[in-house]
């Protein structure tokens, strides 16, 4: 009987190891992968690309995203109005109102190290770029439904796997005037706190208006002081500025 003891111990150890592996696999993050979506009719693809290209070549427009209004004048000017502040970007120079003395605003200015930050001209201009490569396009009246498979890391940095983007692009008179995009998949790493979303998240919802009528965005006047940035992101400039 004794000669069977080592075998029994080995079998128990193997069972424990397999059980631990099963628990580890059950707890491990799961990621999604998608087959390429079916291609749409060539005519629908061409019509969407024409509307996207015309919009991106526009001399300017007004972008409304999450209730925030962003003026864009091609090729390199934007202006955003927050509740108690304004941001103006001209090229890679950022101006932010940090206080006001009657009718004379006071501004802090700094250079953007990265021109592709939220609400900067490059960021606004390329909002429509991802849809230019879409081949899965279905036209429904004046709207196009677009499906794209992208790396999950494009939505949540560091995530593995893929996400399926389903976007509805509304058009009018040859322009794109609205975009709503939903992402499907798993998002095990979610940087915004709370529960981890499973299944789908809203990625983008915005409107474009006054196409071809660029707003006037001029270099700010008034008291302007040099400053430095400690971060970037929607509205972060206001709280991050420090005089230098």
C-alpha atoms as a PDB file:
ATOM      1  CA  UNK A   1       0.000   0.000   0.000  1.00  0.00           C
ATOM      2  CA  UNK A   2       2.809   2.372   0.791  1.00  0.00           C
ATOM      3  CA  UNK A   3       4.002   2.403  -2.780  1.00  0.00           C
ATOM      4  CA  UNK A   4       0.680   3.991  -3.797  1.00  0.00           C
ATOM      5  CA  UNK A   5       1.059   6.904  -1.400  1.00  0.00           C
ATOM      6  CA  UNK A   6       3.365   9.003  -3.642  1.00  0.00           C
ATOM      7  CA  UNK A   7       1.008   8.399  -6.556  1.00  0.00           C
ATOM      8  CA  UNK A   8      -1.937   9.536  -4.480  1.00  0.00           C
ATOM      9  CA  UNK A   9      -0.101  12.661  -3.363  1.00  0.00           C
ATOM     10  CA  UNK A  10       0.805  13.403  -6.964  1.00  0.00           C
ATOM     11  CA  UNK A  11      -2.806  13.031  -8.083  1.00  0.00           C
ATOM     12  CA  UNK A  12      -4.022  15.298  -5.272  1.00  0.00           C
ATOM     13  CA  UNK A  13      -1.384  17.905  -6.139  1.00  0.00           C
ATOM     14  CA  UNK A  14      -2.340  17.686  -9.796  1.00  0.00           C
ATOM     15  CA  UNK A  15      -6.017  18.139  -8.952  1.00  0.00           C
ATOM     16  CA  UNK A  16      -5.222  21.158  -6.793  1.00  0.00           C
ATOM     17  CA  UNK A  17      -3.070  22.657  -9.540  1.00  0.00           C
ATOM     18  CA  UNK A  18      -5.802  22.151 -12.134  1.00  0.00           C
ATOM     19  CA  UNK A  19      -8.343  23.657  -9.769  1.00  0.00           C
ATOM     20  CA  UNK A  20      -6.137  26.688  -9.157  1.00  0.00           C
ATOM     21  CA  UNK A  21      -5.610  27.098 -12.894  1.00  0.00           C
ATOM     22  CA  UNK A  22      -9.362  26.919 -13.488  1.00  0.00           C
ATOM     23  CA  UNK A  23      -9.985  29.587 -10.842  1.00  0.00           C
ATOM     24  CA  UNK A  24      -7.229  31.747 -12.332  1.00  0.00           C
ATOM     25  CA  UNK A  25      -8.712  31.437 -15.805  1.00  0.00           C
ATOM     26  CA  UNK A  26     -12.172  32.247 -14.476  1.00  0.00           C
ATOM     27  CA  UNK A  27     -10.831  35.392 -12.808  1.00  0.00           C
ATOM     28  CA  UNK A  28      -8.617  36.455 -15.703  1.00  0.00           C
ATOM     29  CA  UNK A  29      -9.830  39.364 -17.841  1.00  0.00           C
ATOM     30  CA  UNK A  30     -11.765  38.274 -20.898  1.00  0.00           C
ATOM     31  CA  UNK A  31     -11.473  40.189 -24.124  1.00  0.00           C
ATOM     32  CA  UNK A  32     -13.559  40.312 -27.264  1.00  0.00           C
ATOM     33  CA  UNK A  33     -12.581  39.587 -30.835  1.00  0.00           C
ATOM     34  CA  UNK A  34     -14.789  40.233 -33.858  1.00  0.00           C
ATOM     35  CA  UNK A  35     -14.916  38.981 -37.417  1.00  0.00           C
ATOM     36  CA  UNK A  36     -14.651  41.714 -40.064  1.00  0.00           C
ATOM     37  CA  UNK A  37     -18.119  43.224 -40.590  1.00  0.00           C
ATOM     38  CA  UNK A  38     -19.721  42.611 -43.986  1.00  0.00           C
ATOM     39  CA  UNK A  39     -18.844  45.108 -46.702  1.00  0.00           C
ATOM     40  CA  UNK A  40     -21.528  47.544 -47.745  1.00  0.00           C
ATOM     41  CA  UNK A  41     -22.620  48.556 -51.212  1.00  0.00           C
ATOM     42  CA  UNK A  42     -19.791  50.391 -53.030  1.00  0.00           C
ATOM     43  CA  UNK A  43     -22.127  53.299 -53.755  1.00  0.00           C
ATOM     44  CA  UNK A  44     -22.966  53.795 -50.071  1.00  0.00           C
ATOM     45  CA  UNK A  45     -19.264  53.669 -49.173  1.00  0.00           C
ATOM     46  CA  UNK A  46     -18.447  56.269 -51.841  1.00  0.00           C
ATOM     47  CA  UNK A  47     -21.311  58.573 -50.810  1.00  0.00           C
ATOM     48  CA  UNK A  48     -20.256  58.498 -47.162  1.00  0.00           C
ATOM     49  CA  UNK A  49     -16.631  59.197 -48.023  1.00  0.00           C
ATOM     50  CA  UNK A  50     -17.690  62.142 -50.176  1.00  0.00           C
ATOM     51  CA  UNK A  51     -19.707  63.643 -47.302  1.00  0.00           C
ATOM     52  CA  UNK A  52     -16.857  63.063 -44.837  1.00  0.00           C
ATOM     53  CA  UNK A  53     -14.293  64.599 -47.165  1.00  0.00           C
ATOM     54  CA  UNK A  54     -16.471  67.652 -47.848  1.00  0.00           C
ATOM     55  CA  UNK A  55     -16.997  68.199 -44.131  1.00  0.00           C
ATOM     56  CA  UNK A  56     -13.321  67.833 -43.304  1.00  0.00           C
ATOM     57  CA  UNK A  57     -12.434  70.318 -46.070  1.00  0.00           C
ATOM     58  CA  UNK A  58     -14.918  72.830 -44.696  1.00  0.00           C
ATOM     59  CA  UNK A  59     -13.575  76.262 -43.844  1.00  0.00           C
ATOM     60  CA  UNK A  60     -15.155  75.942 -40.425  1.00  0.00           C
ATOM     61  CA  UNK A  61     -18.098  74.817 -38.342  1.00  0.00           C
ATOM     62  CA  UNK A  62     -19.546  74.714 -34.855  1.00  0.00           C
ATOM     63  CA  UNK A  63     -19.135  71.445 -32.967  1.00  0.00           C
ATOM     64  CA  UNK A  64     -21.458  70.565 -30.096  1.00  0.00           C
ATOM     65  CA  UNK A  65     -20.217  67.679 -27.978  1.00  0.00           C
ATOM     66  CA  UNK A  66     -21.783  66.697 -24.650  1.00  0.00           C
ATOM     67  CA  UNK A  67     -23.463  70.081 -24.454  1.00  0.00           C
ATOM     68  CA  UNK A  68     -20.182  71.947 -24.966  1.00  0.00           C
ATOM     69  CA  UNK A  69     -19.845  74.290 -27.964  1.00  0.00           C
ATOM     70  CA  UNK A  70     -16.555  74.399 -29.865  1.00  0.00           C
ATOM     71  CA  UNK A  71     -15.957  76.895 -32.691  1.00  0.00           C
ATOM     72  CA  UNK A  72     -13.580  75.640 -35.381  1.00  0.00           C
ATOM     73  CA  UNK A  73     -11.995  77.744 -38.126  1.00  0.00           C
ATOM     74  CA  UNK A  74      -9.743  75.915 -40.566  1.00  0.00           C
ATOM     75  CA  UNK A  75      -7.002  75.146 -40.473  1.00  0.00           C
ATOM     76  CA  UNK A  76      -5.752  75.837 -36.969  1.00  0.00           C
ATOM     77  CA  UNK A  77      -8.171  77.742 -34.710  1.00  0.00           C
ATOM     78  CA  UNK A  78     -10.670  76.688 -32.071  1.00  0.00           C
ATOM     79  CA  UNK A  79     -12.498  78.428 -29.260  1.00  0.00           C
ATOM     80  CA  UNK A  80     -14.371  76.829 -26.364  1.00  0.00           C
ATOM     81  CA  UNK A  81     -16.600  78.567 -23.852  1.00  0.00           C
ATOM     82  CA  UNK A  82     -16.871  76.982 -20.432  1.00  0.00           C
ATOM     83  CA  UNK A  83     -19.068  78.249 -17.627  1.00  0.00           C
ATOM     84  CA  UNK A  84     -16.446  80.590 -16.156  1.00  0.00           C
ATOM     85  CA  UNK A  85     -13.634  80.480 -18.694  1.00  0.00           C
ATOM     86  CA  UNK A  86     -12.717  80.461 -22.372  1.00  0.00           C
ATOM     87  CA  UNK A  87     -10.035  78.558 -24.239  1.00  0.00           C
ATOM     88  CA  UNK A  88      -8.627  79.677 -27.588  1.00  0.00           C
ATOM     89  CA  UNK A  89      -6.110  77.639 -29.568  1.00  0.00           C
ATOM     90  CA  UNK A  90      -4.300  79.172 -32.533  1.00  0.00           C
ATOM     91  CA  UNK A  91      -1.790  76.781 -34.027  1.00  0.00           C
ATOM     92  CA  UNK A  92      -0.049  75.337 -30.978  1.00  0.00           C
ATOM     93  CA  UNK A  93      -0.588  78.363 -28.772  1.00  0.00           C
ATOM     94  CA  UNK A  94      -3.228  78.058 -26.078  1.00  0.00           C
ATOM     95  CA  UNK A  95      -4.939  81.031 -24.413  1.00  0.00           C
ATOM     96  CA  UNK A  96      -7.131  80.645 -21.333  1.00  0.00           C
ATOM     97  CA  UNK A  97      -9.084  83.281 -19.435  1.00  0.00           C
ATOM     98  CA  UNK A  98      -8.328  82.899 -15.751  1.00  0.00           C
ATOM     99  CA  UNK A  99     -10.004  86.051 -14.464  1.00  0.00           C
ATOM    100  CA  UNK A 100     -11.733  89.158 -15.705  1.00  0.00           C
ATOM    101  CA  UNK A 101     -11.497  92.788 -14.697  1.00  0.00           C
ATOM    102  CA  UNK A 102     -14.701  94.320 -15.921  1.00  0.00           C
ATOM    103  CA  UNK A 103     -14.810  94.361 -19.721  1.00  0.00           C
ATOM    104  CA  UNK A 104     -11.089  93.678 -20.029  1.00  0.00           C
ATOM    105  CA  UNK A 105     -10.335  89.940 -19.914  1.00  0.00           C
ATOM    106  CA  UNK A 106      -7.100  88.567 -18.569  1.00  0.00           C
ATOM    107  CA  UNK A 107      -5.443  85.660 -20.335  1.00  0.00           C
ATOM    108  CA  UNK A 108      -2.759  83.098 -19.631  1.00  0.00           C
ATOM    109  CA  UNK A 109      -0.949  81.669 -22.641  1.00  0.00           C
ATOM    110  CA  UNK A 110       1.273  78.624 -23.160  1.00  0.00           C
ATOM    111  CA  UNK A 111       2.504  76.401 -25.967  1.00  0.00           C
ATOM    112  CA  UNK A 112       0.925  72.982 -26.473  1.00  0.00           C
ATOM    113  CA  UNK A 113       3.567  70.255 -26.473  1.00  0.00           C
ATOM    114  CA  UNK A 114       1.039  67.943 -28.133  1.00  0.00           C
ATOM    115  CA  UNK A 115      -1.246  69.543 -30.744  1.00  0.00           C
ATOM    116  CA  UNK A 116      -3.668  66.596 -30.622  1.00  0.00           C
ATOM    117  CA  UNK A 117      -5.401  67.341 -27.315  1.00  0.00           C
ATOM    118  CA  UNK A 118      -9.163  67.661 -26.789  1.00  0.00           C
ATOM    119  CA  UNK A 119     -10.693  70.701 -28.472  1.00  0.00           C
ATOM    120  CA  UNK A 120      -7.476  71.692 -30.227  1.00  0.00           C
ATOM    121  CA  UNK A 121      -7.826  72.185 -34.030  1.00  0.00           C
ATOM    122  CA  UNK A 122      -6.119  68.895 -34.942  1.00  0.00           C
ATOM    123  CA  UNK A 123      -8.336  66.969 -32.522  1.00  0.00           C
ATOM    124  CA  UNK A 124     -11.503  68.565 -33.934  1.00  0.00           C
ATOM    125  CA  UNK A 125     -10.420  68.102 -37.550  1.00  0.00           C
ATOM    126  CA  UNK A 126      -9.719  64.398 -37.168  1.00  0.00           C
ATOM    127  CA  UNK A 127     -12.937  63.456 -35.355  1.00  0.00           C
ATOM    128  CA  UNK A 128     -14.302  62.101 -38.631  1.00  0.00           C
ATOM    129  CA  UNK A 129     -11.087  60.477 -39.845  1.00  0.00           C
ATOM    130  CA  UNK A 130     -11.773  56.937 -38.507  1.00  0.00           C
ATOM    131  CA  UNK A 131     -14.892  56.613 -40.650  1.00  0.00           C
ATOM    132  CA  UNK A 132     -13.051  57.309 -43.892  1.00  0.00           C
ATOM    133  CA  UNK A 133     -11.659  53.754 -43.929  1.00  0.00           C
ATOM    134  CA  UNK A 134     -15.001  52.074 -43.220  1.00  0.00           C
ATOM    135  CA  UNK A 135     -16.150  49.522 -45.774  1.00  0.00           C
ATOM    136  CA  UNK A 136     -19.147  48.227 -43.852  1.00  0.00           C
ATOM    137  CA  UNK A 137     -21.591  51.013 -44.682  1.00  0.00           C
ATOM    138  CA  UNK A 138     -25.374  50.873 -45.007  1.00  0.00           C
ATOM    139  CA  UNK A 139     -27.352  53.920 -46.121  1.00  0.00           C
ATOM    140  CA  UNK A 140     -30.746  54.616 -44.587  1.00  0.00           C
ATOM    141  CA  UNK A 141     -32.158  57.815 -46.033  1.00  0.00           C
ATOM    142  CA  UNK A 142     -29.864  60.680 -45.039  1.00  0.00           C
ATOM    143  CA  UNK A 143     -28.029  58.582 -42.443  1.00  0.00           C
ATOM    144  CA  UNK A 144     -25.283  55.983 -42.748  1.00  0.00           C
ATOM    145  CA  UNK A 145     -24.678  53.087 -40.393  1.00  0.00           C
ATOM    146  CA  UNK A 146     -20.987  52.243 -40.164  1.00  0.00           C
ATOM    147  CA  UNK A 147     -19.316  49.238 -38.524  1.00  0.00           C
ATOM    148  CA  UNK A 148     -15.627  49.126 -37.682  1.00  0.00           C
ATOM    149  CA  UNK A 149     -13.493  46.668 -35.738  1.00  0.00           C
ATOM    150  CA  UNK A 150     -10.702  48.473 -33.882  1.00  0.00           C
ATOM    151  CA  UNK A 151      -8.158  47.535 -31.190  1.00  0.00           C
ATOM    152  CA  UNK A 152      -9.753  47.883 -27.755  1.00  0.00           C
ATOM    153  CA  UNK A 153      -6.756  49.967 -26.701  1.00  0.00           C
ATOM    154  CA  UNK A 154      -8.020  52.790 -28.926  1.00  0.00           C
ATOM    155  CA  UNK A 155     -10.926  53.229 -26.506  1.00  0.00           C
ATOM    156  CA  UNK A 156      -9.278  52.287 -23.221  1.00  0.00           C
ATOM    157  CA  UNK A 157      -5.456  52.478 -23.316  1.00  0.00           C
ATOM    158  CA  UNK A 158      -3.832  49.221 -22.303  1.00  0.00           C
ATOM    159  CA  UNK A 159      -6.831  47.033 -23.073  1.00  0.00           C
ATOM    160  CA  UNK A 160      -6.290  43.931 -25.161  1.00  0.00           C
ATOM    161  CA  UNK A 161      -8.704  42.459 -27.669  1.00  0.00           C
ATOM    162  CA  UNK A 162     -10.963  44.324 -30.041  1.00  0.00           C
ATOM    163  CA  UNK A 163     -14.054  46.525 -30.018  1.00  0.00           C
ATOM    164  CA  UNK A 164     -16.814  46.752 -32.572  1.00  0.00           C
ATOM    165  CA  UNK A 165     -17.812  50.332 -33.311  1.00  0.00           C
ATOM    166  CA  UNK A 166     -21.329  50.937 -34.597  1.00  0.00           C
ATOM    167  CA  UNK A 167     -21.767  54.536 -35.711  1.00  0.00           C
ATOM    168  CA  UNK A 168     -24.693  56.445 -37.152  1.00  0.00           C
ATOM    169  CA  UNK A 169     -23.628  59.426 -39.252  1.00  0.00           C
ATOM    170  CA  UNK A 170     -26.355  61.878 -40.219  1.00  0.00           C
ATOM    171  CA  UNK A 171     -25.904  63.990 -43.347  1.00  0.00           C
ATOM    172  CA  UNK A 172     -27.546  67.035 -44.880  1.00  0.00           C
ATOM    173  CA  UNK A 173     -26.751  68.778 -48.168  1.00  0.00           C
ATOM    174  CA  UNK A 174     -23.621  66.702 -48.609  1.00  0.00           C
ATOM    175  CA  UNK A 175     -22.233  67.434 -45.111  1.00  0.00           C
ATOM    176  CA  UNK A 176     -21.948  65.232 -42.049  1.00  0.00           C
ATOM    177  CA  UNK A 177     -24.025  66.957 -39.382  1.00  0.00           C
ATOM    178  CA  UNK A 178     -24.186  64.391 -36.596  1.00  0.00           C
ATOM    179  CA  UNK A 179     -22.366  61.346 -35.250  1.00  0.00           C
ATOM    180  CA  UNK A 180     -23.342  58.833 -32.605  1.00  0.00           C
ATOM    181  CA  UNK A 181     -21.022  55.902 -31.927  1.00  0.00           C
ATOM    182  CA  UNK A 182     -21.443  52.915 -29.629  1.00  0.00           C
ATOM    183  CA  UNK A 183     -18.686  50.377 -28.863  1.00  0.00           C
ATOM    184  CA  UNK A 184     -19.441  46.704 -28.279  1.00  0.00           C
ATOM    185  CA  UNK A 185     -17.112  44.290 -26.495  1.00  0.00           C
ATOM    186  CA  UNK A 186     -15.577  43.711 -23.088  1.00  0.00           C
ATOM    187  CA  UNK A 187     -13.742  46.426 -21.191  1.00  0.00           C
ATOM    188  CA  UNK A 188     -11.968  44.739 -18.252  1.00  0.00           C
ATOM    189  CA  UNK A 189      -9.793  47.764 -17.548  1.00  0.00           C
ATOM    190  CA  UNK A 190     -11.955  50.849 -17.064  1.00  0.00           C
ATOM    191  CA  UNK A 191     -10.100  54.003 -16.005  1.00  0.00           C
ATOM    192  CA  UNK A 192     -13.091  56.029 -14.840  1.00  0.00           C
ATOM    193  CA  UNK A 193     -14.014  54.147 -11.677  1.00  0.00           C
ATOM    194  CA  UNK A 194     -17.244  52.416 -10.828  1.00  0.00           C
ATOM    195  CA  UNK A 195     -18.277  49.062 -12.205  1.00  0.00           C
ATOM    196  CA  UNK A 196     -16.694  47.574 -15.263  1.00  0.00           C
ATOM    197  CA  UNK A 197     -19.021  47.932 -18.245  1.00  0.00           C
ATOM    198  CA  UNK A 198     -19.817  44.772 -20.145  1.00  0.00           C
ATOM    199  CA  UNK A 199     -21.341  44.666 -23.575  1.00  0.00           C
ATOM    200  CA  UNK A 200     -21.399  48.275 -24.805  1.00  0.00           C
ATOM    201  CA  UNK A 201     -20.441  51.844 -24.022  1.00  0.00           C
ATOM    202  CA  UNK A 202     -21.344  55.163 -25.650  1.00  0.00           C
ATOM    203  CA  UNK A 203     -18.204  56.463 -27.331  1.00  0.00           C
ATOM    204  CA  UNK A 204     -19.211  59.671 -29.082  1.00  0.00           C
ATOM    205  CA  UNK A 205     -22.223  61.854 -29.677  1.00  0.00           C
ATOM    206  CA  UNK A 206     -21.860  65.237 -31.334  1.00  0.00           C
ATOM    207  CA  UNK A 207     -23.399  67.608 -33.854  1.00  0.00           C
ATOM    208  CA  UNK A 208     -21.907  69.891 -36.481  1.00  0.00           C
ATOM    209  CA  UNK A 209     -23.575  73.099 -37.628  1.00  0.00           C
ATOM    210  CA  UNK A 210     -22.759  76.308 -39.530  1.00  0.00           C
ATOM    211  CA  UNK A 211     -20.694  74.276 -41.980  1.00  0.00           C
ATOM    212  CA  UNK A 212     -18.812  76.435 -44.443  1.00  0.00           C
ATOM    213  CA  UNK A 213     -19.330  79.528 -42.272  1.00  0.00           C
ATOM    214  CA  UNK A 214     -16.176  79.716 -40.175  1.00  0.00           C
ATOM    215  CA  UNK A 215     -16.525  81.575 -36.880  1.00  0.00           C
ATOM    216  CA  UNK A 216     -14.186  84.486 -36.317  1.00  0.00           C
ATOM    217  CA  UNK A 217     -11.468  83.438 -33.889  1.00  0.00           C
ATOM    218  CA  UNK A 218      -8.896  86.138 -33.261  1.00  0.00           C
ATOM    219  CA  UNK A 219      -5.800  86.335 -31.095  1.00  0.00           C
ATOM    220  CA  UNK A 220      -7.050  87.356 -27.636  1.00  0.00           C
ATOM    221  CA  UNK A 221      -6.581  90.927 -26.563  1.00  0.00           C
ATOM    222  CA  UNK A 222      -6.184  92.267 -23.074  1.00  0.00           C
ATOM    223  CA  UNK A 223      -3.749  91.367 -20.349  1.00  0.00           C
ATOM    224  CA  UNK A 224      -1.796  88.275 -21.452  1.00  0.00           C
ATOM    225  CA  UNK A 225       0.725  86.546 -19.203  1.00  0.00           C
ATOM    226  CA  UNK A 226       2.950  83.549 -19.902  1.00  0.00           C
ATOM    227  CA  UNK A 227       2.109  80.337 -18.116  1.00  0.00           C
ATOM    228  CA  UNK A 228       2.853  76.638 -18.024  1.00  0.00           C
ATOM    229  CA  UNK A 229       0.656  73.563 -18.315  1.00  0.00           C
ATOM    230  CA  UNK A 230       0.501  70.687 -15.858  1.00  0.00           C
ATOM    231  CA  UNK A 231      -1.817  68.478 -17.890  1.00  0.00           C
ATOM    232  CA  UNK A 232      -4.224  68.343 -20.766  1.00  0.00           C
ATOM    233  CA  UNK A 233      -7.817  67.366 -21.372  1.00  0.00           C
ATOM    234  CA  UNK A 234     -11.258  68.975 -21.582  1.00  0.00           C
ATOM    235  CA  UNK A 235     -11.247  71.929 -19.236  1.00  0.00           C
ATOM    236  CA  UNK A 236      -8.118  70.770 -17.420  1.00  0.00           C
ATOM    237  CA  UNK A 237      -6.129  73.699 -18.755  1.00  0.00           C
ATOM    238  CA  UNK A 238      -8.104  76.105 -16.624  1.00  0.00           C
ATOM    239  CA  UNK A 239      -7.186  74.481 -13.321  1.00  0.00           C
ATOM    240  CA  UNK A 240      -3.682  73.421 -14.356  1.00  0.00           C
ATOM    241  CA  UNK A 241      -2.289  76.765 -15.482  1.00  0.00           C
ATOM    242  CA  UNK A 242       0.380  78.362 -13.342  1.00  0.00           C
ATOM    243  CA  UNK A 243       2.073  81.662 -14.048  1.00  0.00           C
ATOM    244  CA  UNK A 244       5.750  81.582 -14.955  1.00  0.00           C
END
